Amino acid sequence: MHSDQSVKPLPFNNLFLNSAAVHGFNYWWMYVLGITAAFFGYLLFQVIIQIPLMAIAFKNNITLSELTQNPNLIFDPDKMGIDRNVILALLLGMFVFALAGLFIVVKRVHKKPFMSIITAYSKLRYKRFFVAFSVWGSLVFISVFVSYFIDSSQVIVQFKPAKFLILFLVCVFLMPIQTSTEEILIRGYLMQGLALLFKNGIIPLILTSLLFGMLHMENPEAKTFGWQIMLPYYSLFGLFLGIITLLDEGLELALGIHCANNLISSLLVTSPTGVLKTDSVFLVHSDDPASELLLWVGMATITFIIFWLIYKWKNFNLILK
């Protein structure tokens, strides 16, 4: 359907959800096409890099059966004998293609301004992004160094200036694209589409949060520690980002938190079970997901309180409708 706010009343009291209704066309098949296009772009990049990576894998005596049993093996820099920064750039490059696929459908099929699935406002609120990046990035930074000083036996300093500089450049240029793609696709495009379907905000919030969790179940840490702990962890993260998106009527804060979380974490710490093995400052021998979940709850609580005080959120009905 094509919404015309001069004829029909706005369906939501949330400007971000209304942004979907008042812009372009919103037939259900268009949203299916948009998700498919993003997924196709993601797979297309994988296909492009698959042949050279498989050749390298076979050269390093990795068999086809091993790759079939563990597809993530091809992106393990240590097993593949490839520089970690190259693998990281390839992993993040997939999201460039995914975002391009979504962009084409939003612009050409939905006939929407791409900004309409990011924020309810005409321009991106950059200050909010940087506030969120600073707050969450500071908490990640503090938590890593506090953990190191509390129990340094589990942490190895592996700082190598030359490799770290390359890592820094890869993260700064590509990590924001990866995190933004996930936010725009799930908490922007899909959240708005589901809101039009269910006529409220709470069901899309729950569904997109669960989807965010499920999409991360292919990560190595999920297979190592089990979905029982990792699915709630990622889903709660998605729920937190979804709540602040609805309360703030735009993705800016979620974009800042997600970018800071992945970028700062990749620069500071890596582990054998993590999805991103980087030339970070620290190498952690083993992860404790239960402790990390409790730490995350504390960080999320502090962050929410800071945002609540800064932006003076009062209308919590924005989450519902």
C-alpha atoms as a PDB file:
ATOM      1  CA  MET A   1       0.000   0.000   0.000  1.00  0.00           C
ATOM      2  CA  HIS A   2       1.019   3.581  -0.528  1.00  0.00           C
ATOM      3  CA  SER A   3       0.382   5.669   2.580  1.00  0.00           C
ATOM      4  CA  ASP A   4      -0.852   9.230   2.210  1.00  0.00           C
ATOM      5  CA  GLN A   5      -0.795  11.075   5.520  1.00  0.00           C
ATOM      6  CA  SER A   6      -3.098  13.808   4.137  1.00  0.00           C
ATOM      7  CA  VAL A   7      -5.897  11.232   3.734  1.00  0.00           C
ATOM      8  CA  LYS A   8      -5.241   8.659   6.464  1.00  0.00           C
ATOM      9  CA  PRO A   9      -4.257   9.274  10.090  1.00  0.00           C
ATOM     10  CA  LEU A  10      -0.759   8.189  11.034  1.00  0.00           C
ATOM     11  CA  PRO A  11      -0.834   4.581  12.290  1.00  0.00           C
ATOM     12  CA  PHE A  12       1.687   5.035  15.132  1.00  0.00           C
ATOM     13  CA  ASN A  13       2.604   7.574  17.772  1.00  0.00           C
ATOM     14  CA  ASN A  14       6.247   6.719  17.036  1.00  0.00           C
ATOM     15  CA  LEU A  15       7.877   8.887  14.372  1.00  0.00           C
ATOM     16  CA  PHE A  16      10.354   6.164  13.409  1.00  0.00           C
ATOM     17  CA  LEU A  17       7.617   3.621  12.703  1.00  0.00           C
ATOM     18  CA  ASN A  18       5.539   6.259  10.914  1.00  0.00           C
ATOM     19  CA  SER A  19       8.535   6.911   8.691  1.00  0.00           C
ATOM     20  CA  ALA A  20       7.782   3.625   6.953  1.00  0.00           C
ATOM     21  CA  ALA A  21       4.112   4.442   6.483  1.00  0.00           C
ATOM     22  CA  VAL A  22       4.567   7.910   4.989  1.00  0.00           C
ATOM     23  CA  HIS A  23       7.336   7.085   2.540  1.00  0.00           C
ATOM     24  CA  GLY A  24       7.140   5.082  -0.659  1.00  0.00           C
ATOM     25  CA  PHE A  25       5.398   1.755  -1.182  1.00  0.00           C
ATOM     26  CA  ASN A  26       5.054  -0.967   1.439  1.00  0.00           C
ATOM     27  CA  TYR A  27       3.744  -4.137  -0.185  1.00  0.00           C
ATOM     28  CA  TRP A  28       4.758  -7.263   1.742  1.00  0.00           C
ATOM     29  CA  TRP A  29       6.591  -8.755  -1.244  1.00  0.00           C
ATOM     30  CA  MET A  30       8.854  -5.690  -1.377  1.00  0.00           C
ATOM     31  CA  TYR A  31      10.125  -6.463   2.129  1.00  0.00           C
ATOM     32  CA  VAL A  32      10.729 -10.082   1.146  1.00  0.00           C
ATOM     33  CA  LEU A  33      12.642  -8.808  -1.878  1.00  0.00           C
ATOM     34  CA  GLY A  34      14.668  -6.395   0.271  1.00  0.00           C
ATOM     35  CA  ILE A  35      15.730  -9.114   2.733  1.00  0.00           C
ATOM     36  CA  THR A  36      16.505 -11.448  -0.184  1.00  0.00           C
ATOM     37  CA  ALA A  37      18.602  -8.793  -1.921  1.00  0.00           C
ATOM     38  CA  ALA A  38      20.664  -8.162   1.203  1.00  0.00           C
ATOM     39  CA  PHE A  39      21.173 -11.904   1.708  1.00  0.00           C
ATOM     40  CA  PHE A  40      22.058 -12.351  -1.974  1.00  0.00           C
ATOM     41  CA  GLY A  41      24.668  -9.583  -1.765  1.00  0.00           C
ATOM     42  CA  TYR A  42      26.151 -11.250   1.320  1.00  0.00           C
ATOM     43  CA  LEU A  43      26.319 -14.637  -0.462  1.00  0.00           C
ATOM     44  CA  LEU A  44      27.606 -13.119  -3.699  1.00  0.00           C
ATOM     45  CA  PHE A  45      30.687 -11.781  -1.955  1.00  0.00           C
ATOM     46  CA  GLN A  46      31.245 -15.183  -0.357  1.00  0.00           C
ATOM     47  CA  VAL A  47      31.074 -16.858  -3.764  1.00  0.00           C
ATOM     48  CA  ILE A  48      33.581 -14.372  -5.185  1.00  0.00           C
ATOM     49  CA  ILE A  49      36.146 -15.070  -2.459  1.00  0.00           C
ATOM     50  CA  GLN A  50      35.354 -18.779  -2.075  1.00  0.00           C
ATOM     51  CA  ILE A  51      37.497 -20.064  -4.948  1.00  0.00           C
ATOM     52  CA  PRO A  52      40.806 -18.429  -3.915  1.00  0.00           C
ATOM     53  CA  LEU A  53      40.181 -19.302  -0.256  1.00  0.00           C
ATOM     54  CA  MET A  54      39.440 -22.943  -1.034  1.00  0.00           C
ATOM     55  CA  ALA A  55      42.608 -23.130  -3.129  1.00  0.00           C
ATOM     56  CA  ILE A  56      44.584 -21.830  -0.148  1.00  0.00           C
ATOM     57  CA  ALA A  57      42.801 -24.300   2.151  1.00  0.00           C
ATOM     58  CA  PHE A  58      43.675 -27.292  -0.042  1.00  0.00           C
ATOM     59  CA  LYS A  59      47.264 -26.053  -0.255  1.00  0.00           C
ATOM     60  CA  ASN A  60      47.352 -26.122   3.559  1.00  0.00           C
ATOM     61  CA  ASN A  61      46.079 -29.742   3.611  1.00  0.00           C
ATOM     62  CA  ILE A  62      42.544 -28.850   4.686  1.00  0.00           C
ATOM     63  CA  THR A  63      40.211 -31.403   3.101  1.00  0.00           C
ATOM     64  CA  LEU A  64      36.818 -30.812   1.522  1.00  0.00           C
ATOM     65  CA  SER A  65      35.171 -32.985   4.181  1.00  0.00           C
ATOM     66  CA  GLU A  66      36.676 -30.776   6.912  1.00  0.00           C
ATOM     67  CA  LEU A  67      35.317 -27.671   5.204  1.00  0.00           C
ATOM     68  CA  THR A  68      31.903 -29.315   4.838  1.00  0.00           C
ATOM     69  CA  GLN A  69      31.797 -30.192   8.549  1.00  0.00           C
ATOM     70  CA  ASN A  70      33.033 -26.757   9.597  1.00  0.00           C
ATOM     71  CA  PRO A  71      32.445 -24.028   6.947  1.00  0.00           C
ATOM     72  CA  ASN A  72      33.922 -21.408   9.308  1.00  0.00           C
ATOM     73  CA  LEU A  73      37.290 -23.139   8.971  1.00  0.00           C
ATOM     74  CA  ILE A  74      37.914 -21.287   5.731  1.00  0.00           C
ATOM     75  CA  PHE A  75      37.891 -18.016   7.685  1.00  0.00           C
ATOM     76  CA  ASP A  76      40.247 -19.210  10.414  1.00  0.00           C
ATOM     77  CA  PRO A  77      43.474 -17.251   9.748  1.00  0.00           C
ATOM     78  CA  ASP A  78      45.623 -19.587  11.847  1.00  0.00           C
ATOM     79  CA  LYS A  79      44.440 -22.758  10.086  1.00  0.00           C
ATOM     80  CA  MET A  80      44.487 -21.094   6.667  1.00  0.00           C
ATOM     81  CA  GLY A  81      47.887 -19.478   7.102  1.00  0.00           C
ATOM     82  CA  ILE A  82      46.507 -16.087   6.023  1.00  0.00           C
ATOM     83  CA  ASP A  83      47.139 -12.762   7.721  1.00  0.00           C
ATOM     84  CA  ARG A  84      44.403 -12.068  10.269  1.00  0.00           C
ATOM     85  CA  ASN A  85      43.746  -8.603   8.889  1.00  0.00           C
ATOM     86  CA  VAL A  86      43.101 -10.012   5.411  1.00  0.00           C
ATOM     87  CA  ILE A  87      40.527 -12.464   6.775  1.00  0.00           C
ATOM     88  CA  LEU A  88      38.909  -9.706   8.830  1.00  0.00           C
ATOM     89  CA  ALA A  89      38.633  -7.454   5.775  1.00  0.00           C
ATOM     90  CA  LEU A  90      37.021 -10.298   3.806  1.00  0.00           C
ATOM     91  CA  LEU A  91      34.521 -11.028   6.576  1.00  0.00           C
ATOM     92  CA  LEU A  92      33.537  -7.379   6.817  1.00  0.00           C
ATOM     93  CA  GLY A  93      33.456  -6.995   3.039  1.00  0.00           C
ATOM     94  CA  MET A  94      30.410  -9.246   2.842  1.00  0.00           C
ATOM     95  CA  PHE A  95      28.356  -6.573   4.553  1.00  0.00           C
ATOM     96  CA  VAL A  96      29.264  -3.978   1.924  1.00  0.00           C
ATOM     97  CA  PHE A  97      27.529  -6.145  -0.685  1.00  0.00           C
ATOM     98  CA  ALA A  98      24.591  -6.852   1.643  1.00  0.00           C
ATOM     99  CA  LEU A  99      24.025  -3.142   2.287  1.00  0.00           C
ATOM    100  CA  ALA A 100      24.242  -2.424  -1.448  1.00  0.00           C
ATOM    101  CA  GLY A 101      21.525  -5.020  -2.147  1.00  0.00           C
ATOM    102  CA  LEU A 102      19.210  -3.489   0.445  1.00  0.00           C
ATOM    103  CA  PHE A 103      19.931   0.035  -0.775  1.00  0.00           C
ATOM    104  CA  ILE A 104      18.900  -0.839  -4.350  1.00  0.00           C
ATOM    105  CA  VAL A 105      15.566  -2.327  -3.268  1.00  0.00           C
ATOM    106  CA  VAL A 106      14.712   0.535  -0.895  1.00  0.00           C
ATOM    107  CA  LYS A 107      15.485   3.164  -3.517  1.00  0.00           C
ATOM    108  CA  ARG A 108      14.283   1.433  -6.697  1.00  0.00           C
ATOM    109  CA  VAL A 109      11.419  -0.765  -5.506  1.00  0.00           C
ATOM    110  CA  HIS A 110      10.050   0.859  -2.333  1.00  0.00           C
ATOM    111  CA  LYS A 111      10.806   4.309  -3.777  1.00  0.00           C
ATOM    112  CA  LYS A 112      11.830   5.451  -0.294  1.00  0.00           C
ATOM    113  CA  PRO A 113      14.612   7.785   0.830  1.00  0.00           C
ATOM    114  CA  PHE A 114      17.197   5.451   2.356  1.00  0.00           C
ATOM    115  CA  MET A 115      17.389   7.776   5.353  1.00  0.00           C
ATOM    116  CA  SER A 116      13.739   6.928   6.151  1.00  0.00           C
ATOM    117  CA  ILE A 117      14.699   3.445   7.391  1.00  0.00           C
ATOM    118  CA  ILE A 118      17.486   4.871   9.563  1.00  0.00           C
ATOM    119  CA  THR A 119      15.828   7.771  11.354  1.00  0.00           C
ATOM    120  CA  ALA A 120      12.532   9.642  11.530  1.00  0.00           C
ATOM    121  CA  TYR A 121      14.407  12.881  10.911  1.00  0.00           C
ATOM    122  CA  SER A 122      15.529  14.406   7.635  1.00  0.00           C
ATOM    123  CA  LYS A 123      19.206  14.136   8.577  1.00  0.00           C
ATOM    124  CA  LEU A 124      21.209  11.647  10.569  1.00  0.00           C
ATOM    125  CA  ARG A 125      21.687  12.877  14.140  1.00  0.00           C
ATOM    126  CA  TYR A 126      25.465  12.420  14.212  1.00  0.00           C
ATOM    127  CA  LYS A 127      25.861  13.772  17.739  1.00  0.00           C
ATOM    128  CA  ARG A 128      23.731  10.938  19.069  1.00  0.00           C
ATOM    129  CA  PHE A 129      25.891   8.400  17.246  1.00  0.00           C
ATOM    130  CA  PHE A 130      29.077   9.792  18.766  1.00  0.00           C
ATOM    131  CA  VAL A 131      27.565  10.067  22.243  1.00  0.00           C
ATOM    132  CA  ALA A 132      26.528   6.402  22.109  1.00  0.00           C
ATOM    133  CA  PHE A 133      29.899   5.385  20.657  1.00  0.00           C
ATOM    134  CA  SER A 134      31.731   7.249  23.411  1.00  0.00           C
ATOM    135  CA  VAL A 135      29.608   5.913  26.277  1.00  0.00           C
ATOM    136  CA  TRP A 136      29.622   2.260  25.205  1.00  0.00           C
ATOM    137  CA  GLY A 137      33.204   2.379  23.941  1.00  0.00           C
ATOM    138  CA  SER A 138      34.371   3.753  27.294  1.00  0.00           C
ATOM    139  CA  LEU A 139      32.564   0.982  29.180  1.00  0.00           C
ATOM    140  CA  VAL A 140      34.093  -1.701  26.923  1.00  0.00           C
ATOM    141  CA  PHE A 141      37.541  -0.139  27.348  1.00  0.00           C
ATOM    142  CA  ILE A 142      37.202  -0.005  31.130  1.00  0.00           C
ATOM    143  CA  SER A 143      35.852  -3.562  31.393  1.00  0.00           C
ATOM    144  CA  VAL A 144      38.725  -5.021  29.357  1.00  0.00           C
ATOM    145  CA  PHE A 145      41.448  -3.313  31.369  1.00  0.00           C
ATOM    146  CA  VAL A 146      39.776  -4.020  34.726  1.00  0.00           C
ATOM    147  CA  SER A 147      39.536  -7.704  33.767  1.00  0.00           C
ATOM    148  CA  TYR A 148      43.216  -7.689  32.861  1.00  0.00           C
ATOM    149  CA  PHE A 149      44.320  -6.197  36.166  1.00  0.00           C
ATOM    150  CA  ILE A 150      42.002  -8.461  38.199  1.00  0.00           C
ATOM    151  CA  ASP A 151      43.307 -11.688  36.634  1.00  0.00           C
ATOM    152  CA  SER A 152      46.186 -11.220  34.211  1.00  0.00           C
ATOM    153  CA  SER A 153      46.875 -14.981  34.180  1.00  0.00           C
ATOM    154  CA  GLN A 154      44.065 -15.451  31.642  1.00  0.00           C
ATOM    155  CA  VAL A 155      45.281 -12.634  29.398  1.00  0.00           C
ATOM    156  CA  ILE A 156      48.320 -12.323  27.136  1.00  0.00           C
ATOM    157  CA  VAL A 157      49.551  -8.987  25.809  1.00  0.00           C
ATOM    158  CA  GLN A 158      50.186  -9.523  22.090  1.00  0.00           C
ATOM    159  CA  PHE A 159      50.526  -5.931  20.919  1.00  0.00           C
ATOM    160  CA  LYS A 160      52.490  -5.638  17.656  1.00  0.00           C
ATOM    161  CA  PRO A 161      52.505  -2.033  16.375  1.00  0.00           C
ATOM    162  CA  ALA A 162      52.700  -2.775  12.639  1.00  0.00           C
ATOM    163  CA  LYS A 163      49.925  -5.385  12.638  1.00  0.00           C
ATOM    164  CA  PHE A 164      47.817  -3.330  15.034  1.00  0.00           C
ATOM    165  CA  LEU A 165      48.017  -0.301  12.724  1.00  0.00           C
ATOM    166  CA  ILE A 166      46.655  -2.354   9.823  1.00  0.00           C
ATOM    167  CA  LEU A 167      43.958  -3.764  12.104  1.00  0.00           C
ATOM    168  CA  PHE A 168      43.029  -0.246  13.166  1.00  0.00           C
ATOM    169  CA  LEU A 169      42.635   0.888   9.551  1.00  0.00           C
ATOM    170  CA  VAL A 170      40.553  -2.162   8.598  1.00  0.00           C
ATOM    171  CA  CYS A 171      38.293  -1.665  11.626  1.00  0.00           C
ATOM    172  CA  VAL A 172      37.837   2.069  11.164  1.00  0.00           C
ATOM    173  CA  PHE A 173      36.904   1.793   7.480  1.00  0.00           C
ATOM    174  CA  LEU A 174      34.932  -1.475   7.403  1.00  0.00           C
ATOM    175  CA  MET A 175      33.591  -2.183  10.893  1.00  0.00           C
ATOM    176  CA  PRO A 176      31.052   0.697  10.794  1.00  0.00           C
ATOM    177  CA  ILE A 177      29.675  -0.746   7.548  1.00  0.00           C
ATOM    178  CA  GLN A 178      29.249  -4.195   9.129  1.00  0.00           C
ATOM    179  CA  THR A 179      27.498  -2.932  12.249  1.00  0.00           C
ATOM    180  CA  SER A 180      25.406  -0.381  10.344  1.00  0.00           C
ATOM    181  CA  THR A 181      24.226  -3.042   7.894  1.00  0.00           C
ATOM    182  CA  GLU A 182      22.957  -5.222  10.733  1.00  0.00           C
ATOM    183  CA  GLU A 183      21.223  -2.294  12.435  1.00  0.00           C
ATOM    184  CA  ILE A 184      19.669  -0.829   9.285  1.00  0.00           C
ATOM    185  CA  LEU A 185      18.466  -4.218   8.052  1.00  0.00           C
ATOM    186  CA  ILE A 186      17.101  -5.623  11.336  1.00  0.00           C
ATOM    187  CA  ARG A 187      16.183  -2.694  13.584  1.00  0.00           C
ATOM    188  CA  GLY A 188      15.443  -0.312  10.738  1.00  0.00           C
ATOM    189  CA  TYR A 189      14.002  -1.917   7.615  1.00  0.00           C
ATOM    190  CA  LEU A 190      12.591  -5.096   9.160  1.00  0.00           C
ATOM    191  CA  MET A 191      11.333  -3.412  12.345  1.00  0.00           C
ATOM    192  CA  GLN A 192       9.381  -0.886  10.274  1.00  0.00           C
ATOM    193  CA  GLY A 193       8.007  -3.537   7.932  1.00  0.00           C
ATOM    194  CA  LEU A 194       6.822  -5.761  10.777  1.00  0.00           C
ATOM    195  CA  ALA A 195       5.268  -2.745  12.508  1.00  0.00           C
ATOM    196  CA  LEU A 196       3.127  -2.105   9.433  1.00  0.00           C
ATOM    197  CA  LEU A 197       2.120  -5.767   9.477  1.00  0.00           C
ATOM    198  CA  PHE A 198       1.285  -6.077  13.190  1.00  0.00           C
ATOM    199  CA  LYS A 199       0.134  -2.456  13.697  1.00  0.00           C
ATOM    200  CA  ASN A 200       2.266  -2.071  16.843  1.00  0.00           C
ATOM    201  CA  GLY A 201       5.871  -1.795  17.977  1.00  0.00           C
ATOM    202  CA  ILE A 202       6.161  -4.486  20.650  1.00  0.00           C
ATOM    203  CA  ILE A 203       5.808  -7.571  18.412  1.00  0.00           C
ATOM    204  CA  PRO A 204       8.387  -6.283  15.869  1.00  0.00           C
ATOM    205  CA  LEU A 205      10.701  -5.452  18.788  1.00  0.00           C
ATOM    206  CA  ILE A 206      10.506  -9.006  20.130  1.00  0.00           C
ATOM    207  CA  LEU A 207      10.752 -10.687  16.727  1.00  0.00           C
ATOM    208  CA  THR A 208      13.730  -8.640  15.532  1.00  0.00           C
ATOM    209  CA  SER A 209      15.521  -9.217  18.847  1.00  0.00           C
ATOM    210  CA  LEU A 210      15.077 -12.983  18.537  1.00  0.00           C
ATOM    211  CA  LEU A 211      16.165 -12.839  14.900  1.00  0.00           C
ATOM    212  CA  PHE A 212      19.284 -10.898  15.897  1.00  0.00           C
ATOM    213  CA  GLY A 213      20.087 -13.633  18.403  1.00  0.00           C
ATOM    214  CA  MET A 214      19.440 -16.472  15.967  1.00  0.00           C
ATOM    215  CA  LEU A 215      21.583 -14.917  13.235  1.00  0.00           C
ATOM    216  CA  HIS A 216      24.564 -15.060  15.600  1.00  0.00           C
ATOM    217  CA  MET A 217      24.107 -18.749  16.412  1.00  0.00           C
ATOM    218  CA  GLU A 218      26.490 -19.676  13.590  1.00  0.00           C
ATOM    219  CA  ASN A 219      29.308 -17.845  15.379  1.00  0.00           C
ATOM    220  CA  PRO A 220      32.033 -20.102  16.842  1.00  0.00           C
ATOM    221  CA  GLU A 221      31.329 -18.970  20.415  1.00  0.00           C
ATOM    222  CA  ALA A 222      27.702 -20.089  20.078  1.00  0.00           C
ATOM    223  CA  LYS A 223      28.818 -23.563  19.052  1.00  0.00           C
ATOM    224  CA  THR A 224      31.433 -23.664  21.820  1.00  0.00           C
ATOM    225  CA  PHE A 225      29.257 -22.554  24.718  1.00  0.00           C
ATOM    226  CA  GLY A 226      25.844 -23.587  23.401  1.00  0.00           C
ATOM    227  CA  TRP A 227      22.735 -21.694  22.349  1.00  0.00           C
ATOM    228  CA  GLN A 228      21.310 -21.870  25.893  1.00  0.00           C
ATOM    229  CA  ILE A 229      23.636 -19.062  27.025  1.00  0.00           C
ATOM    230  CA  MET A 230      24.522 -17.343  23.749  1.00  0.00           C
ATOM    231  CA  LEU A 231      20.995 -16.998  22.294  1.00  0.00           C
ATOM    232  CA  PRO A 232      19.723 -15.069  25.354  1.00  0.00           C
ATOM    233  CA  TYR A 233      22.921 -12.986  25.326  1.00  0.00           C
ATOM    234  CA  TYR A 234      22.574 -11.858  21.712  1.00  0.00           C
ATOM    235  CA  SER A 235      18.775 -11.569  21.878  1.00  0.00           C
ATOM    236  CA  LEU A 236      18.984  -9.342  24.965  1.00  0.00           C
ATOM    237  CA  PHE A 237      21.527  -7.187  23.158  1.00  0.00           C
ATOM    238  CA  GLY A 238      19.097  -6.923  20.249  1.00  0.00           C
ATOM    239  CA  LEU A 239      16.232  -6.116  22.625  1.00  0.00           C
ATOM    240  CA  PHE A 240      18.279  -3.372  24.282  1.00  0.00           C
ATOM    241  CA  LEU A 241      19.181  -1.795  20.940  1.00  0.00           C
ATOM    242  CA  GLY A 242      15.571  -2.102  19.760  1.00  0.00           C
ATOM    243  CA  ILE A 243      14.171  -0.407  22.868  1.00  0.00           C
ATOM    244  CA  ILE A 244      16.461   2.605  22.589  1.00  0.00           C
ATOM    245  CA  THR A 245      15.720   2.809  18.851  1.00  0.00           C
ATOM    246  CA  LEU A 246      11.994   3.073  19.509  1.00  0.00           C
ATOM    247  CA  LEU A 247      12.374   5.445  22.467  1.00  0.00           C
ATOM    248  CA  ASP A 248      14.701   7.720  20.500  1.00  0.00           C
ATOM    249  CA  GLU A 249      12.761   7.314  17.234  1.00  0.00           C
ATOM    250  CA  GLY A 250      15.857   6.547  15.180  1.00  0.00           C
ATOM    251  CA  LEU A 251      18.822   4.213  14.852  1.00  0.00           C
ATOM    252  CA  GLU A 252      21.567   6.684  15.748  1.00  0.00           C
ATOM    253  CA  LEU A 253      22.140   5.468  19.319  1.00  0.00           C
ATOM    254  CA  ALA A 254      21.971   1.801  18.320  1.00  0.00           C
ATOM    255  CA  LEU A 255      24.409   2.456  15.469  1.00  0.00           C
ATOM    256  CA  GLY A 256      26.859   4.067  17.885  1.00  0.00           C
ATOM    257  CA  ILE A 257      26.654   1.279  20.481  1.00  0.00           C
ATOM    258  CA  HIS A 258      26.955  -1.554  17.965  1.00  0.00           C
ATOM    259  CA  CYS A 259      29.884   0.116  16.196  1.00  0.00           C
ATOM    260  CA  ALA A 260      31.717   0.826  19.456  1.00  0.00           C
ATOM    261  CA  ASN A 261      31.099  -2.703  20.738  1.00  0.00           C
ATOM    262  CA  ASN A 262      32.568  -4.446  17.686  1.00  0.00           C
ATOM    263  CA  LEU A 263      35.273  -1.923  16.840  1.00  0.00           C
ATOM    264  CA  ILE A 264      36.715  -1.392  20.320  1.00  0.00           C
ATOM    265  CA  SER A 265      36.413  -5.087  21.181  1.00  0.00           C
ATOM    266  CA  SER A 266      38.231  -6.114  17.987  1.00  0.00           C
ATOM    267  CA  LEU A 267      41.048  -3.679  18.704  1.00  0.00           C
ATOM    268  CA  LEU A 268      41.453  -4.606  22.362  1.00  0.00           C
ATOM    269  CA  VAL A 269      40.805  -8.318  22.758  1.00  0.00           C
ATOM    270  CA  THR A 270      40.493 -11.589  20.841  1.00  0.00           C
ATOM    271  CA  SER A 271      40.006 -15.186  21.930  1.00  0.00           C
ATOM    272  CA  PRO A 272      40.269 -18.696  20.430  1.00  0.00           C
ATOM    273  CA  THR A 273      36.468 -19.048  20.501  1.00  0.00           C
ATOM    274  CA  GLY A 274      35.618 -15.618  19.055  1.00  0.00           C
ATOM    275  CA  VAL A 275      34.222 -15.073  15.582  1.00  0.00           C
ATOM    276  CA  LEU A 276      36.831 -12.379  14.851  1.00  0.00           C
ATOM    277  CA  LYS A 277      40.430 -13.414  15.443  1.00  0.00           C
ATOM    278  CA  THR A 278      42.415 -10.198  15.290  1.00  0.00           C
ATOM    279  CA  ASP A 279      45.870  -8.812  16.045  1.00  0.00           C
ATOM    280  CA  SER A 280      44.403  -7.060  19.066  1.00  0.00           C
ATOM    281  CA  VAL A 281      46.189  -5.762  22.145  1.00  0.00           C
ATOM    282  CA  PHE A 282      45.130  -8.717  24.316  1.00  0.00           C
ATOM    283  CA  LEU A 283      44.573 -12.428  23.775  1.00  0.00           C
ATOM    284  CA  VAL A 284      42.224 -14.087  26.263  1.00  0.00           C
ATOM    285  CA  HIS A 285      42.863 -17.781  26.965  1.00  0.00           C
ATOM    286  CA  SER A 286      39.240 -18.638  27.652  1.00  0.00           C
ATOM    287  CA  ASP A 287      35.870 -16.906  27.724  1.00  0.00           C
ATOM    288  CA  ASP A 288      33.293 -17.017  30.508  1.00  0.00           C
ATOM    289  CA  PRO A 289      29.961 -16.252  28.798  1.00  0.00           C
ATOM    290  CA  ALA A 290      27.954 -16.239  32.056  1.00  0.00           C
ATOM    291  CA  SER A 291      30.212 -13.579  33.584  1.00  0.00           C
ATOM    292  CA  GLU A 292      30.211 -11.625  30.329  1.00  0.00           C
ATOM    293  CA  LEU A 293      26.394 -11.676  30.309  1.00  0.00           C
ATOM    294  CA  LEU A 294      26.272 -10.238  33.825  1.00  0.00           C
ATOM    295  CA  LEU A 295      28.853  -7.618  32.877  1.00  0.00           C
ATOM    296  CA  TRP A 296      26.822  -6.724  29.797  1.00  0.00           C
ATOM    297  CA  VAL A 297      23.659  -6.271  31.884  1.00  0.00           C
ATOM    298  CA  GLY A 298      25.536  -3.793  34.070  1.00  0.00           C
ATOM    299  CA  MET A 299      26.896  -1.918  31.035  1.00  0.00           C
ATOM    300  CA  ALA A 300      23.465  -1.792  29.392  1.00  0.00           C
ATOM    301  CA  THR A 301      21.867  -0.482  32.599  1.00  0.00           C
ATOM    302  CA  ILE A 302      24.456   2.280  32.968  1.00  0.00           C
ATOM    303  CA  THR A 303      24.122   3.223  29.311  1.00  0.00           C
ATOM    304  CA  PHE A 304      20.327   3.345  29.438  1.00  0.00           C
ATOM    305  CA  ILE A 305      20.368   5.571  32.520  1.00  0.00           C
ATOM    306  CA  ILE A 306      22.845   7.955  30.850  1.00  0.00           C
ATOM    307  CA  PHE A 307      20.679   8.177  27.713  1.00  0.00           C
ATOM    308  CA  TRP A 308      17.528   8.596  29.778  1.00  0.00           C
ATOM    309  CA  LEU A 309      19.080  11.515  31.627  1.00  0.00           C
ATOM    310  CA  ILE A 310      20.540  13.146  28.502  1.00  0.00           C
ATOM    311  CA  TYR A 311      17.553  12.767  26.179  1.00  0.00           C
ATOM    312  CA  LYS A 312      14.845  12.970  28.862  1.00  0.00           C
ATOM    313  CA  TRP A 313      12.797  10.019  27.598  1.00  0.00           C
ATOM    314  CA  LYS A 314       9.320  10.117  29.121  1.00  0.00           C
ATOM    315  CA  ASN A 315       6.935   8.546  26.617  1.00  0.00           C
ATOM    316  CA  PHE A 316       7.534   4.807  27.070  1.00  0.00           C
ATOM    317  CA  ASN A 317       4.412   4.120  24.993  1.00  0.00           C
ATOM    318  CA  LEU A 318       6.701   4.672  21.999  1.00  0.00           C
ATOM    319  CA  ILE A 319       7.826   1.058  22.492  1.00  0.00           C
ATOM    320  CA  LEU A 320       4.246  -0.220  22.236  1.00  0.00           C
ATOM    321  CA  LYS A 321       2.887   1.981  19.449  1.00  0.00           C
END
